Amino acid sequence: MASLLSRPDATLALIAAPSLLVVLIAGGLALRSGVINHASEGVAVSTPETVTVASRTYNYRAPGEYTRDGYAVDAPLLAISGTPSLTIMKYQVSRGEYDRCVADGACPQPEPEHLPSGKVDVPVTGVSLEDAQAYANWLSRQTGEAWRLPTDSELAFAAGSRFPDDALGTDSPNPAVRWLERYRRETARGAARDPVPKQRGHFGENEFGLADFGGNVWEWTTTCYRRVIAGATEQADTSPCGVQFVSGEHRAAMVSFIRNPKGGGCAVGAPPENLGFRLVKDGRWYEPLLKAFR
């Protein structure tokens, strides 16, 4: 062994081997996560238009179903501070953008929905959580950037004054009081329903320039629906997650593989009109490595 290490070429090989291994691993991770762009030929992809929401403190109604002493109560209103700036798509992903992913064989066809004839500049609808994640992975590979679905709190941060507060305003031990208030709200929503997706910009922008949030397309998030027992020490459901929050005119919880909310699969809340999504651009230097391991 001593004679082997005394040879210059062997010593050099022993020194270089760990570095070479690190390079190979990093290269593989970069390819897998989209840092190294290996876009498919013939598929034109442009970087989506985004808005950047500056850091601020904001109020956020905690997600989930809260109970106290066996009775349903409103979730707590949290003051979230220290949130870093967030870069998010200005518009929801359009039908035309999603169709490029379908054409490239990376995304499944969406569920047939109300699509105005010849319109591609409308939000893609009829997509599940898995479909949206497939698009995020594809876009990351095509652009060499890290794109992902937002959490519910990130969407609230970007939506600002347009984000719904689903508190009913009563913690009465009488369940009929809460049921009547929920029925009143859902009846009011139903009277103004218009399920046909509209052209981008139809519903205007919020104070940060985010467009069309709160229209007739609800947006997927990666936040799991949980049941929480409120009290001195909160106890949250820790079962595997198969139901995610979607947010728009109101918040609802949808089974992750559902594409058409009107066909069932809404676990909590009134069914959304349509299911679509927009993505967050993650600029953290280590995000591509995290993405590769997810």
Protein backbone atom coordinates (compact mmCIF):
# COMPACT_ATOMS: atom_id res chain seq x y z
CA MET A 1 0.00 0.00 0.00
CA ALA A 2 2.87 2.38 0.88
CA SER A 3 4.52 1.76 -2.49
CA LEU A 4 1.21 2.43 -4.24
CA LEU A 5 0.74 5.78 -2.51
CA SER A 6 4.30 6.79 -3.35
CA ARG A 7 3.45 6.73 -7.06
CA PRO A 8 2.54 10.27 -8.25
CA ASP A 9 -0.26 9.13 -10.53
CA ALA A 10 -1.91 7.08 -7.78
CA THR A 11 -1.68 9.94 -5.29
CA LEU A 12 -3.22 12.32 -7.82
CA ALA A 13 -6.06 9.88 -8.50
CA LEU A 14 -6.84 9.56 -4.79
CA ILE A 15 -6.94 13.34 -4.41
CA ALA A 16 -9.04 13.92 -7.54
CA ALA A 17 -11.59 11.14 -6.98
CA PRO A 18 -13.69 12.90 -4.27
CA SER A 19 -13.77 16.13 -6.27
CA LEU A 20 -14.81 14.28 -9.41
CA LEU A 21 -17.58 12.52 -7.50
CA VAL A 22 -18.92 15.84 -6.20
CA VAL A 23 -18.91 17.27 -9.74
CA LEU A 24 -20.77 14.26 -11.12
CA ILE A 25 -23.39 14.36 -8.36
CA ALA A 26 -23.87 18.12 -8.73
CA GLY A 27 -24.19 17.77 -12.49
CA GLY A 28 -26.79 15.04 -12.16
CA LEU A 29 -28.79 17.08 -9.69
CA ALA A 30 -28.60 20.13 -11.91
CA LEU A 31 -29.91 18.20 -14.88
CA ARG A 32 -32.69 16.66 -12.85
CA SER A 33 -33.79 19.94 -11.24
CA GLY A 34 -33.58 22.10 -14.34
CA VAL A 35 -30.50 24.19 -13.48
CA ILE A 36 -28.91 22.92 -16.67
CA ASN A 37 -31.41 23.60 -19.41
CA HIS A 38 -32.12 20.69 -21.71
CA ALA A 39 -35.22 22.03 -23.41
CA SER A 40 -36.87 19.96 -26.06
CA GLU A 41 -36.27 21.16 -29.60
CA GLY A 42 -39.26 22.64 -31.35
CA VAL A 43 -41.09 23.73 -28.16
CA ALA A 44 -40.95 27.51 -27.80
CA VAL A 45 -41.07 28.58 -24.17
CA SER A 46 -40.74 32.15 -22.95
CA THR A 47 -40.15 33.19 -19.35
CA PRO A 48 -43.54 34.00 -17.79
CA GLU A 49 -44.34 37.55 -16.74
CA THR A 50 -43.98 37.91 -12.98
CA VAL A 51 -44.53 40.36 -10.16
CA THR A 52 -42.33 40.64 -7.07
CA VAL A 53 -44.12 41.29 -3.79
CA ALA A 54 -41.88 43.06 -1.28
CA SER A 55 -41.38 41.81 2.27
CA ARG A 56 -44.04 42.94 4.73
CA THR A 57 -46.11 41.87 7.71
CA TYR A 58 -49.57 40.58 6.79
CA ASN A 59 -52.58 38.95 8.40
CA TYR A 60 -53.35 35.37 7.47
CA ARG A 61 -56.20 33.14 8.54
CA ALA A 62 -54.66 29.78 9.47
CA PRO A 63 -55.71 26.94 7.14
CA GLY A 64 -57.58 23.91 8.40
CA GLU A 65 -60.67 22.91 10.32
CA TYR A 66 -60.45 24.06 13.94
CA THR A 67 -62.48 22.69 16.85
CA ARG A 68 -62.51 23.58 20.54
CA ASP A 69 -64.24 21.43 23.17
CA GLY A 70 -65.86 19.48 20.36
CA TYR A 71 -67.33 22.54 18.58
CA ALA A 72 -66.24 24.10 15.29
CA VAL A 73 -64.56 27.49 15.66
CA ASP A 74 -62.90 29.99 13.36
CA ALA A 75 -59.21 29.39 12.70
CA PRO A 76 -56.90 31.92 14.37
CA LEU A 77 -55.88 35.08 12.51
CA LEU A 78 -52.10 35.16 12.40
CA ALA A 79 -49.80 38.15 11.95
CA ILE A 80 -47.00 36.88 9.71
CA SER A 81 -43.78 38.88 9.77
CA GLY A 82 -40.34 38.44 8.29
CA THR A 83 -41.68 37.01 5.04
CA PRO A 84 -39.07 37.51 2.29
CA SER A 85 -40.02 39.01 -1.05
CA LEU A 86 -41.83 36.65 -3.41
CA THR A 87 -41.65 36.41 -7.21
CA ILE A 88 -44.84 34.92 -8.63
CA MET A 89 -46.51 34.69 -12.04
CA LYS A 90 -48.56 37.79 -12.76
CA TYR A 91 -51.22 35.69 -14.50
CA GLN A 92 -52.49 32.17 -14.04
CA VAL A 93 -50.94 29.65 -16.44
CA SER A 94 -52.85 29.95 -19.71
CA ARG A 95 -54.34 27.23 -21.88
CA GLY A 96 -51.83 28.05 -24.63
CA GLU A 97 -48.86 27.76 -22.25
CA TYR A 98 -50.10 24.49 -20.81
CA ASP A 99 -50.76 23.08 -24.31
CA ARG A 100 -47.03 23.41 -25.08
CA CYS A 101 -46.30 21.09 -22.17
CA VAL A 102 -48.93 18.66 -23.46
CA ALA A 103 -47.39 18.81 -26.95
CA ASP A 104 -44.00 18.00 -25.43
CA GLY A 105 -45.44 14.90 -23.75
CA ALA A 106 -44.74 16.19 -20.24
CA CYS A 107 -48.29 17.10 -19.16
CA PRO A 108 -51.60 15.24 -19.46
CA GLN A 109 -54.53 16.73 -21.33
CA PRO A 110 -56.73 18.88 -19.08
CA GLU A 111 -60.33 17.94 -18.38
CA PRO A 112 -62.65 19.47 -21.01
CA GLU A 113 -64.02 22.70 -19.58
CA HIS A 114 -65.79 25.85 -20.70
CA LEU A 115 -63.25 27.11 -23.24
CA PRO A 116 -64.27 29.97 -25.55
CA SER A 117 -63.81 28.90 -29.17
CA GLY A 118 -60.28 29.54 -30.40
CA LYS A 119 -59.16 31.13 -27.12
CA VAL A 120 -55.77 30.17 -25.70
CA ASP A 121 -55.14 33.37 -23.71
CA VAL A 122 -57.44 32.17 -20.91
CA PRO A 123 -56.39 30.30 -17.75
CA VAL A 124 -55.98 26.57 -18.20
CA THR A 125 -58.66 24.80 -16.17
CA GLY A 126 -59.55 21.18 -15.53
CA VAL A 127 -56.12 20.42 -14.07
CA SER A 128 -55.27 18.48 -10.91
CA LEU A 129 -52.52 19.16 -8.39
CA GLU A 130 -50.40 16.49 -10.09
CA ASP A 131 -50.95 18.16 -13.49
CA ALA A 132 -49.85 21.52 -12.10
CA GLN A 133 -46.73 19.98 -10.56
CA ALA A 134 -45.92 18.28 -13.87
CA TYR A 135 -46.10 21.66 -15.60
CA ALA A 136 -43.86 23.24 -12.94
CA ASN A 137 -41.24 20.53 -13.45
CA TRP A 138 -41.44 20.91 -17.24
CA LEU A 139 -41.16 24.71 -17.11
CA SER A 140 -38.16 24.42 -14.79
CA ARG A 141 -36.41 22.15 -17.28
CA GLN A 142 -37.27 24.38 -20.22
CA THR A 143 -36.16 27.67 -18.65
CA GLY A 144 -33.36 26.52 -16.37
CA GLU A 145 -35.14 28.24 -13.48
CA ALA A 146 -36.82 26.81 -10.38
CA TRP A 147 -40.62 27.02 -10.60
CA ARG A 148 -43.03 25.52 -8.07
CA LEU A 149 -46.57 25.79 -6.75
CA PRO A 150 -47.10 28.27 -3.91
CA THR A 151 -48.18 27.43 -0.41
CA ASP A 152 -51.51 28.81 0.77
CA SER A 153 -49.74 31.42 2.90
CA GLU A 154 -47.57 32.50 -0.05
CA LEU A 155 -50.66 32.93 -2.19
CA ALA A 156 -52.24 35.00 0.60
CA PHE A 157 -49.07 37.11 0.79
CA ALA A 158 -49.21 37.82 -2.96
CA ALA A 159 -53.00 38.20 -3.21
CA GLY A 160 -53.07 40.84 -0.47
CA SER A 161 -56.47 42.47 -0.04
CA ARG A 162 -58.05 40.01 -2.50
CA PHE A 163 -57.33 36.93 -0.40
CA PRO A 164 -60.53 35.61 1.21
CA ASP A 165 -61.03 35.45 4.96
CA ASP A 166 -63.14 32.35 5.50
CA ALA A 167 -63.90 33.04 9.18
CA LEU A 168 -67.64 32.93 9.87
CA GLY A 169 -67.42 35.42 12.71
CA THR A 170 -69.12 33.19 15.26
CA ASP A 171 -67.83 30.53 17.63
CA SER A 172 -71.26 29.62 18.98
CA PRO A 173 -71.52 26.12 20.50
CA ASN A 174 -74.75 25.80 18.54
CA PRO A 175 -73.70 24.23 15.19
CA ALA A 176 -76.86 25.56 13.53
CA VAL A 177 -75.60 29.15 13.87
CA ARG A 178 -72.44 28.41 11.91
CA TRP A 179 -74.33 26.28 9.38
CA LEU A 180 -76.79 29.10 8.65
CA GLU A 181 -74.01 31.65 8.19
CA ARG A 182 -72.15 29.32 5.81
CA TYR A 183 -75.36 28.65 3.88
CA ARG A 184 -76.01 32.40 3.56
CA ARG A 185 -72.54 33.01 2.12
CA GLU A 186 -72.65 30.11 -0.31
CA THR A 187 -76.10 31.13 -1.54
CA ALA A 188 -74.81 34.64 -2.24
CA ARG A 189 -71.86 33.24 -4.17
CA GLY A 190 -74.07 30.95 -6.22
CA ALA A 191 -76.28 33.82 -7.37
CA ALA A 192 -73.36 35.49 -9.17
CA ARG A 193 -71.68 32.42 -10.73
CA ASP A 194 -70.20 32.61 -14.20
CA PRO A 195 -68.06 29.51 -14.81
CA VAL A 196 -66.63 30.41 -18.24
CA PRO A 197 -62.90 31.29 -17.97
CA LYS A 198 -62.18 34.86 -19.02
CA GLN A 199 -59.32 36.34 -21.02
CA ARG A 200 -56.27 37.38 -19.03
CA GLY A 201 -56.74 40.65 -17.19
CA HIS A 202 -60.54 40.40 -17.08
CA PHE A 203 -60.66 40.50 -13.27
CA GLY A 204 -58.06 43.25 -12.90
CA GLU A 205 -55.02 43.53 -10.64
CA ASN A 206 -54.51 43.82 -6.91
CA GLU A 207 -52.33 46.37 -5.15
CA PHE A 208 -49.17 44.42 -6.05
CA GLY A 209 -49.96 43.94 -9.73
CA LEU A 210 -51.11 40.32 -9.35
CA ALA A 211 -53.80 39.74 -11.97
CA ASP A 212 -57.11 37.87 -11.88
CA PHE A 213 -56.88 36.40 -8.39
CA GLY A 214 -60.33 35.85 -6.90
CA GLY A 215 -62.08 35.53 -10.27
CA ASN A 216 -63.68 32.28 -11.37
CA VAL A 217 -60.50 30.17 -11.35
CA TRP A 218 -59.34 28.73 -8.03
CA GLU A 219 -55.60 28.10 -7.69
CA TRP A 220 -53.86 24.99 -6.38
CA THR A 221 -51.48 25.26 -3.42
CA THR A 222 -49.24 22.73 -1.71
CA THR A 223 -50.81 23.34 1.72
CA CYS A 224 -52.46 20.26 3.21
CA TYR A 225 -55.91 20.35 4.73
CA ARG A 226 -55.69 19.48 8.42
CA ARG A 227 -58.07 19.13 11.35
CA VAL A 228 -56.79 20.97 14.41
CA ILE A 229 -57.96 20.75 18.01
CA ALA A 230 -57.52 24.23 19.45
CA GLY A 231 -56.56 24.80 23.05
CA ALA A 232 -53.58 25.51 25.27
CA THR A 233 -51.63 23.07 23.10
CA GLU A 234 -52.87 22.67 19.55
CA GLN A 235 -53.13 19.13 18.25
CA ALA A 236 -53.01 18.84 14.45
CA ASP A 237 -53.90 15.87 12.31
CA THR A 238 -50.69 14.18 11.16
CA SER A 239 -52.18 11.71 8.68
CA PRO A 240 -50.73 11.57 5.13
CA CYS A 241 -51.84 14.48 2.97
CA GLY A 242 -54.14 13.82 0.03
CA VAL A 243 -56.26 16.97 0.21
CA GLN A 244 -54.89 20.42 -0.66
CA PHE A 245 -56.20 23.93 -0.30
CA VAL A 246 -57.30 25.81 -3.40
CA SER A 247 -57.91 29.53 -3.16
CA GLY A 248 -59.89 32.03 -5.19
CA GLU A 249 -63.15 33.75 -4.35
CA HIS A 250 -63.10 31.56 -1.25
CA ARG A 251 -60.90 28.77 0.09
CA ALA A 252 -61.79 25.12 -0.37
CA ALA A 253 -60.03 21.79 0.12
CA MET A 254 -59.78 19.50 -2.90
CA VAL A 255 -58.61 15.93 -3.38
CA SER A 256 -55.28 16.27 -5.17
CA PHE A 257 -56.14 14.19 -8.26
CA ILE A 258 -59.44 15.97 -9.03
CA ARG A 259 -59.58 18.01 -12.25
CA ASN A 260 -63.25 18.96 -12.38
CA PRO A 261 -64.49 20.28 -9.01
CA LYS A 262 -68.11 20.17 -10.17
CA GLY A 263 -67.82 16.39 -10.52
CA GLY A 264 -67.00 15.87 -6.84
CA GLY A 265 -63.81 15.71 -4.79
CA CYS A 266 -64.37 18.90 -2.79
CA ALA A 267 -63.57 17.83 0.77
CA VAL A 268 -64.40 21.10 2.52
CA GLY A 269 -66.15 24.28 1.38
CA ALA A 270 -68.33 25.08 -1.61
CA PRO A 271 -66.97 23.56 -4.86
CA PRO A 272 -64.87 25.97 -6.93
CA GLU A 273 -65.97 26.97 -10.42
CA ASN A 274 -62.69 25.93 -12.07
CA LEU A 275 -59.28 24.62 -11.02
CA GLY A 276 -56.14 26.29 -12.35
CA PHE A 277 -52.80 27.49 -11.00
CA ARG A 278 -49.91 29.93 -11.11
CA LEU A 279 -46.32 29.30 -10.04
CA VAL A 280 -43.70 30.87 -7.79
CA LYS A 281 -40.20 31.45 -9.10
CA ASP A 282 -37.82 30.30 -6.40
CA GLY A 283 -34.56 32.26 -6.47
CA ARG A 284 -32.84 30.64 -3.52
CA TRP A 285 -29.45 29.29 -4.60
CA TYR A 286 -30.09 25.89 -2.99
CA GLU A 287 -33.64 25.46 -4.34
CA PRO A 288 -32.56 23.35 -7.36
CA LEU A 289 -30.91 20.86 -4.98
CA LEU A 290 -34.02 20.78 -2.78
CA LYS A 291 -36.19 20.26 -5.85
CA ALA A 292 -34.06 17.33 -6.98
CA PHE A 293 -34.60 15.55 -3.66
CA ARG A 294 -38.36 16.21 -3.39
